Amino acid sequence: MAISLFGWNAVELTAEDLLRPEAKPETYRVDKDKFKNNWENIKNDSKNLLQVSDSVKISIEGLTGAGELNRNLCNYSLEAFFRKDMPKITTNGGYMVGGAMFSKEELEQCRMVLKTAVDGIGCGIGKGTSIDYKNYAQMGLAVSSVRAYAGENLTEEQAAVVNKAMQEYNEALIHLEKETLTEQGYVDSNRGILSEYYGKEAELDENEINWMNQFKEELKQMTGQHFVPTQKGVKAFIQSATNQKLIGEIMNLFSNVDSTNEVSVNAAIKKYGELIEPARKALGMRPDRIAGALQEDTAGFKKQIADILLAAEYHKTDYRI
């Protein structure tokens, strides 16, 4: 996992920043008198001087002008697809990302498609770090939709880089959740069938306990019913998917769907409904609520695909009247 979800809005250094010296360099001048006095010695060493000259020439080869950066060295990481701003330093008039060359328009298009793809995933920074089974489906759809775009619009080399970027983004999400749950003290739970699908829990802290008791008090005033106060030491589970077999099945299902084919998408969603039903029953959801949740998921999945395909068509559209 190479992509980091943090620091994407950091300011990129320009060529001028990279070339600006930290301090004024020392200057040197030739001592003409000394040069004349040692002329004979210098002539004798002319062969060595030529060798030195050649080595100096080689060392500065590649500089095309004073103060200009050797642009062939600029190879952006895959985070260039997700950063807020376009890269600033070009390589031979284009942009090298992950070892593949992109024109300005190609990179803009890829950035738009990938950003739309990740926007359709309902977890991550600013959205909550817990990954439910539905989110794994969204991650799989992002992979298949980006792959469809890349295969249709990019070279084989470019497509490999773009597909890798999407895959590494998903891996970064999974890594972020794992780190977050560890830092927050979540441990494996033992709640029977529920723990087969949602197997992480943690002890409530004082603020959470106070919030729950306040909520119970408000319910009591509204309904007249009495609720037992929550005490210290109570543990709560988190709706974070932990059944690796089910996660793998869902990811594989949607990662390999033909997102441009409605029949293929509908078949995948139907299969997803069958796969996800036991997990939703474990949460205590009634049959009507399970059916309603699947309808909501279906609408969300189809919107996610449509948004990515729309982003893929953006630069192809001729807006001239």
Protein backbone atom coordinates (compact mmCIF):
# COMPACT_ATOMS: atom_id res chain seq x y z
CA MET A 1 0.00 0.00 0.00
CA ALA A 2 1.70 3.14 -1.25
CA ILE A 3 -1.02 5.80 -1.30
CA SER A 4 -1.52 7.96 1.79
CA LEU A 5 -4.92 9.53 2.43
CA PHE A 6 -3.36 12.43 4.32
CA GLY A 7 -1.65 15.56 3.03
CA TRP A 8 -3.26 15.68 -0.41
CA ASN A 9 -3.72 19.44 -0.14
CA ALA A 10 -0.06 20.13 0.57
CA VAL A 11 1.59 22.79 -1.59
CA GLU A 12 3.78 21.39 -4.36
CA LEU A 13 7.22 22.90 -4.87
CA THR A 14 7.76 24.47 -8.27
CA ALA A 15 10.89 24.29 -10.38
CA GLU A 16 11.85 27.75 -9.13
CA ASP A 17 11.50 26.60 -5.53
CA LEU A 18 13.71 23.61 -6.19
CA LEU A 19 16.40 25.69 -7.87
CA ARG A 20 16.42 28.65 -5.48
CA PRO A 21 19.69 28.54 -3.44
CA GLU A 22 19.50 28.69 0.33
CA ALA A 23 22.45 31.07 0.47
CA LYS A 24 24.46 33.09 -2.03
CA PRO A 25 27.22 30.84 -3.38
CA GLU A 26 30.87 31.86 -3.18
CA THR A 27 32.42 33.36 -6.33
CA TYR A 28 35.93 32.85 -7.65
CA ARG A 29 38.16 34.78 -10.10
CA VAL A 30 41.30 33.84 -12.03
CA ASP A 31 44.63 35.22 -10.80
CA LYS A 32 46.03 36.32 -14.20
CA ASP A 33 49.64 36.86 -13.03
CA LYS A 34 49.80 33.47 -11.43
CA PHE A 35 48.30 31.97 -14.55
CA LYS A 36 51.08 33.50 -16.73
CA ASN A 37 53.86 32.37 -14.40
CA ASN A 38 52.62 28.81 -14.46
CA TRP A 39 51.81 28.67 -18.15
CA GLU A 40 54.48 26.10 -18.91
CA ASN A 41 53.31 23.79 -16.20
CA ILE A 42 49.76 24.20 -17.39
CA LYS A 43 50.73 23.30 -20.96
CA ASN A 44 52.41 20.16 -19.74
CA ASP A 45 49.25 19.18 -17.97
CA SER A 46 47.00 20.02 -20.92
CA LYS A 47 45.99 16.41 -21.34
CA ASN A 48 44.76 16.31 -17.77
CA LEU A 49 42.96 19.61 -18.26
CA LEU A 50 41.15 18.24 -21.28
CA GLN A 51 40.10 15.23 -19.30
CA VAL A 52 38.79 17.47 -16.54
CA SER A 53 36.99 19.61 -19.10
CA ASP A 54 35.30 16.58 -20.61
CA SER A 55 34.16 15.39 -17.20
CA VAL A 56 32.70 18.80 -16.39
CA LYS A 57 30.89 18.83 -19.72
CA ILE A 58 29.33 15.47 -18.95
CA SER A 59 28.29 16.57 -15.47
CA ILE A 60 26.30 19.56 -16.74
CA GLU A 61 24.84 17.81 -19.73
CA GLY A 62 21.04 17.90 -19.55
CA LEU A 63 20.80 21.52 -18.41
CA THR A 64 19.10 23.32 -21.31
CA GLY A 65 19.54 26.81 -19.93
CA ALA A 66 20.55 28.83 -16.91
CA GLY A 67 18.28 28.18 -13.96
CA GLU A 68 16.28 25.47 -15.74
CA LEU A 69 15.40 22.18 -14.06
CA ASN A 70 16.16 18.84 -15.68
CA ARG A 71 12.53 17.96 -16.19
CA ASN A 72 13.15 14.36 -17.15
CA LEU A 73 13.54 13.60 -13.43
CA CYS A 74 9.94 14.50 -12.50
CA ASN A 75 7.94 11.30 -12.00
CA TYR A 76 4.88 11.86 -9.81
CA SER A 77 3.51 9.22 -7.45
CA LEU A 78 -0.02 7.85 -7.88
CA GLU A 79 -1.28 10.46 -5.41
CA ALA A 80 -1.15 12.95 -8.31
CA PHE A 81 -4.49 11.49 -9.43
CA PHE A 82 -6.15 12.42 -6.14
CA ARG A 83 -4.48 15.65 -5.00
CA LYS A 84 -6.54 18.82 -4.95
CA ASP A 85 -4.48 20.60 -7.62
CA MET A 86 -2.95 19.50 -10.90
CA PRO A 87 0.80 18.81 -10.81
CA LYS A 88 2.87 21.87 -11.70
CA ILE A 89 6.09 20.49 -13.16
CA THR A 90 5.81 18.93 -16.61
CA THR A 91 8.06 16.34 -18.22
CA ASN A 92 8.71 17.03 -21.91
CA GLY A 93 5.45 18.94 -22.11
CA GLY A 94 3.38 16.26 -20.39
CA TYR A 95 3.16 14.61 -16.98
CA MET A 96 4.80 11.40 -15.87
CA VAL A 97 2.78 9.62 -13.17
CA GLY A 98 3.78 6.20 -11.88
CA GLY A 99 6.19 5.85 -14.80
CA ALA A 100 3.59 6.49 -17.53
CA MET A 101 3.28 9.65 -19.60
CA PHE A 102 0.01 11.61 -19.74
CA SER A 103 -0.91 14.70 -21.69
CA LYS A 104 -2.49 17.56 -19.74
CA GLU A 105 -5.96 16.62 -20.98
CA GLU A 106 -5.43 12.92 -20.26
CA LEU A 107 -4.29 13.61 -16.71
CA GLU A 108 -7.18 16.02 -16.09
CA GLN A 109 -9.60 13.36 -17.34
CA CYS A 110 -8.07 10.61 -15.20
CA ARG A 111 -8.13 12.82 -12.12
CA MET A 112 -11.80 13.59 -12.69
CA VAL A 113 -12.71 9.91 -13.13
CA LEU A 114 -10.73 8.74 -10.10
CA LYS A 115 -11.98 11.53 -7.86
CA THR A 116 -15.56 10.73 -8.86
CA ALA A 117 -14.91 7.05 -8.18
CA VAL A 118 -13.62 7.67 -4.65
CA ASP A 119 -16.39 10.19 -3.92
CA GLY A 120 -18.85 7.34 -4.48
CA ILE A 121 -17.31 5.26 -1.69
CA GLY A 122 -19.13 6.01 1.54
CA CYS A 123 -16.17 5.77 3.90
CA GLY A 124 -12.83 7.47 4.36
CA ILE A 125 -11.56 10.76 5.73
CA GLY A 126 -14.48 13.10 6.38
CA LYS A 127 -17.02 10.28 5.93
CA GLY A 128 -16.23 7.95 8.82
CA THR A 129 -13.58 5.26 8.77
CA SER A 130 -15.73 2.19 9.50
CA ILE A 131 -16.16 0.04 6.38
CA ASP A 132 -19.45 -1.85 6.07
CA TYR A 133 -20.22 -4.52 3.47
CA LYS A 134 -21.96 -1.96 1.28
CA ASN A 135 -18.75 0.09 1.21
CA TYR A 136 -16.78 -2.92 -0.03
CA ALA A 137 -19.32 -3.20 -2.85
CA GLN A 138 -18.75 0.48 -3.67
CA MET A 139 -14.98 -0.09 -3.65
CA GLY A 140 -15.42 -2.98 -6.08
CA LEU A 141 -17.63 -0.91 -8.37
CA ALA A 142 -15.03 1.86 -8.37
CA VAL A 143 -12.40 -0.66 -9.52
CA SER A 144 -14.55 -2.09 -12.35
CA SER A 145 -15.79 1.32 -13.53
CA VAL A 146 -12.31 2.84 -13.58
CA ARG A 147 -11.01 -0.22 -15.41
CA ALA A 148 -13.75 0.17 -18.05
CA TYR A 149 -12.79 3.83 -18.55
CA ALA A 150 -9.07 3.09 -18.71
CA GLY A 151 -9.47 0.24 -21.18
CA GLU A 152 -11.53 2.41 -23.51
CA ASN A 153 -9.57 5.65 -23.34
CA LEU A 154 -5.94 5.03 -22.34
CA THR A 155 -2.89 3.18 -23.55
CA GLU A 156 -2.06 -0.14 -21.94
CA GLU A 157 0.72 1.50 -19.89
CA GLN A 158 -1.49 4.37 -18.74
CA ALA A 159 -4.37 2.02 -17.92
CA ALA A 160 -2.12 -0.13 -15.73
CA VAL A 161 -1.09 2.93 -13.71
CA VAL A 162 -4.65 4.24 -13.31
CA ASN A 163 -6.01 0.83 -12.28
CA LYS A 164 -3.19 0.48 -9.75
CA ALA A 165 -4.04 3.90 -8.31
CA MET A 166 -7.66 2.86 -7.73
CA GLN A 167 -6.59 -0.43 -6.16
CA GLU A 168 -4.10 1.28 -3.85
CA TYR A 169 -6.73 3.81 -2.78
CA ASN A 170 -8.97 0.95 -1.63
CA GLU A 171 -6.05 -0.63 0.21
CA ALA A 172 -5.40 2.72 1.91
CA LEU A 173 -9.02 2.84 3.13
CA ILE A 174 -8.73 -0.63 4.63
CA HIS A 175 -5.41 0.25 6.27
CA LEU A 176 -6.87 3.46 7.70
CA GLU A 177 -9.80 1.60 9.28
CA LYS A 178 -7.50 -1.00 10.82
CA GLU A 179 -5.28 1.67 12.36
CA THR A 180 -8.25 3.70 13.60
CA LEU A 181 -9.95 0.75 15.33
CA THR A 182 -6.68 -0.23 16.99
CA GLU A 183 -6.08 3.32 18.25
CA GLN A 184 -9.65 3.53 19.59
CA GLY A 185 -9.26 0.30 21.55
CA TYR A 186 -11.61 -1.96 19.60
CA VAL A 187 -11.13 -5.67 20.22
CA ASP A 188 -12.71 -8.90 18.97
CA SER A 189 -16.22 -9.44 20.32
CA ASN A 190 -18.16 -12.55 21.29
CA ARG A 191 -21.80 -11.82 20.51
CA GLY A 192 -22.83 -15.01 18.76
CA ILE A 193 -24.15 -14.66 15.20
CA LEU A 194 -23.64 -10.89 15.25
CA SER A 195 -19.90 -11.29 15.80
CA GLU A 196 -19.69 -13.50 12.71
CA TYR A 197 -20.34 -10.37 10.63
CA TYR A 198 -19.53 -7.46 12.98
CA GLY A 199 -16.85 -8.72 15.30
CA LYS A 200 -15.34 -5.58 16.85
CA GLU A 201 -16.32 -3.85 20.09
CA ALA A 202 -14.91 -1.37 22.60
CA GLU A 203 -15.79 -0.10 26.04
CA LEU A 204 -17.74 3.16 26.01
CA ASP A 205 -15.89 6.18 27.31
CA GLU A 206 -17.36 8.69 29.77
CA ASN A 207 -18.59 11.10 27.09
CA GLU A 208 -20.37 8.31 25.21
CA ILE A 209 -22.00 7.06 28.41
CA ASN A 210 -23.21 10.56 29.29
CA TRP A 211 -24.60 11.02 25.77
CA MET A 212 -26.48 7.71 25.91
CA ASN A 213 -27.98 8.47 29.31
CA GLN A 214 -29.05 11.93 28.14
CA PHE A 215 -30.68 10.36 25.10
CA LYS A 216 -32.48 7.82 27.30
CA GLU A 217 -33.75 10.62 29.53
CA GLU A 218 -35.14 12.48 26.53
CA LEU A 219 -36.87 9.30 25.35
CA LYS A 220 -38.34 8.82 28.83
CA GLN A 221 -39.86 12.30 28.75
CA MET A 222 -41.28 11.71 25.29
CA THR A 223 -42.63 8.17 25.80
CA GLY A 224 -43.06 7.84 29.56
CA GLN A 225 -41.04 4.63 29.50
CA HIS A 226 -38.13 3.99 31.84
CA PHE A 227 -34.73 3.04 30.44
CA VAL A 228 -31.95 1.49 32.50
CA PRO A 229 -29.01 3.94 32.71
CA THR A 230 -25.82 2.93 30.92
CA GLN A 231 -23.03 2.17 33.35
CA LYS A 232 -19.26 2.31 33.03
CA GLY A 233 -17.79 -0.87 31.58
CA VAL A 234 -20.51 -1.35 28.97
CA LYS A 235 -19.16 -2.37 25.56
CA ALA A 236 -20.62 -1.47 22.19
CA PHE A 237 -20.01 -3.07 18.81
CA ILE A 238 -19.23 -1.11 15.67
CA GLN A 239 -20.80 -1.67 12.27
CA SER A 240 -17.48 -2.54 10.70
CA ALA A 241 -17.54 -5.58 8.39
CA THR A 242 -15.26 -8.36 9.67
CA ASN A 243 -16.36 -11.51 7.82
CA GLN A 244 -13.44 -11.87 5.42
CA LYS A 245 -15.14 -14.54 3.31
CA LEU A 246 -18.15 -12.32 2.69
CA ILE A 247 -15.95 -9.27 2.08
CA GLY A 248 -13.96 -11.23 -0.52
CA GLU A 249 -17.11 -12.44 -2.27
CA ILE A 250 -18.59 -8.95 -2.47
CA MET A 251 -15.36 -7.33 -3.64
CA ASN A 252 -14.81 -10.03 -6.26
CA LEU A 253 -18.43 -9.76 -7.46
CA PHE A 254 -18.37 -6.01 -8.09
CA SER A 255 -14.71 -5.70 -9.13
CA ASN A 256 -15.41 -8.01 -12.08
CA VAL A 257 -18.83 -6.71 -13.13
CA ASP A 258 -19.20 -5.03 -16.52
CA SER A 259 -20.27 -1.63 -15.24
CA THR A 260 -21.26 -0.53 -18.77
CA ASN A 261 -23.78 -3.38 -19.10
CA GLU A 262 -27.07 -2.97 -17.24
CA VAL A 263 -27.86 -6.69 -17.33
CA SER A 264 -24.48 -7.50 -15.78
CA VAL A 265 -24.94 -4.84 -13.09
CA ASN A 266 -28.46 -6.03 -12.20
CA ALA A 267 -27.27 -9.64 -11.92
CA ALA A 268 -24.45 -8.58 -9.60
CA ILE A 269 -26.80 -6.56 -7.38
CA LYS A 270 -29.20 -9.51 -7.15
CA LYS A 271 -26.36 -11.77 -6.05
CA TYR A 272 -25.19 -9.09 -3.59
CA GLY A 273 -28.67 -9.07 -2.02
CA GLU A 274 -28.39 -12.81 -1.40
CA LEU A 275 -24.90 -12.48 0.06
CA ILE A 276 -25.68 -9.56 2.38
CA GLU A 277 -28.99 -10.88 3.79
CA PRO A 278 -27.49 -13.04 6.60
CA ALA A 279 -25.38 -10.11 7.84
CA ARG A 280 -28.44 -7.87 7.96
CA LYS A 281 -30.45 -10.51 9.76
CA ALA A 282 -27.64 -10.70 12.32
CA LEU A 283 -28.16 -6.97 12.93
CA GLY A 284 -31.80 -7.70 13.78
CA MET A 285 -33.27 -6.17 10.61
CA ARG A 286 -36.77 -7.33 9.67
CA PRO A 287 -37.45 -8.72 6.15
CA ASP A 288 -39.16 -5.51 5.01
CA ARG A 289 -36.24 -3.42 6.23
CA ILE A 290 -33.75 -5.75 4.51
CA ALA A 291 -35.66 -5.32 1.25
CA GLY A 292 -35.73 -1.55 1.72
CA ALA A 293 -31.98 -1.44 2.42
CA LEU A 294 -31.30 -3.40 -0.78
CA GLN A 295 -33.38 -0.91 -2.77
CA GLU A 296 -31.36 1.95 -1.28
CA ASP A 297 -28.11 0.15 -2.08
CA THR A 298 -29.26 -0.52 -5.65
CA ALA A 299 -30.05 3.14 -6.26
CA GLY A 300 -26.71 4.15 -4.76
CA PHE A 301 -24.70 1.64 -6.80
CA LYS A 302 -26.31 2.72 -10.07
CA LYS A 303 -25.76 6.39 -9.30
CA GLN A 304 -22.11 5.66 -8.50
CA ILE A 305 -21.63 3.94 -11.87
CA ALA A 306 -23.50 6.69 -13.74
CA ASP A 307 -21.40 9.42 -12.10
CA ILE A 308 -18.13 7.69 -13.06
CA LEU A 309 -19.26 7.12 -16.65
CA LEU A 310 -20.37 10.75 -16.87
CA ALA A 311 -16.96 11.90 -15.64
CA ALA A 312 -15.36 9.64 -18.26
CA GLU A 313 -17.32 11.37 -21.02
CA TYR A 314 -16.63 14.92 -19.86
CA HIS A 315 -13.76 15.77 -22.21
CA LYS A 316 -15.43 14.00 -25.12
CA THR A 317 -18.40 16.36 -25.06
CA ASP A 318 -18.43 19.23 -27.56
CA TYR A 319 -20.19 22.14 -25.87
CA ARG A 320 -20.00 24.43 -28.88
CA ILE A 321 -23.35 25.58 -30.26
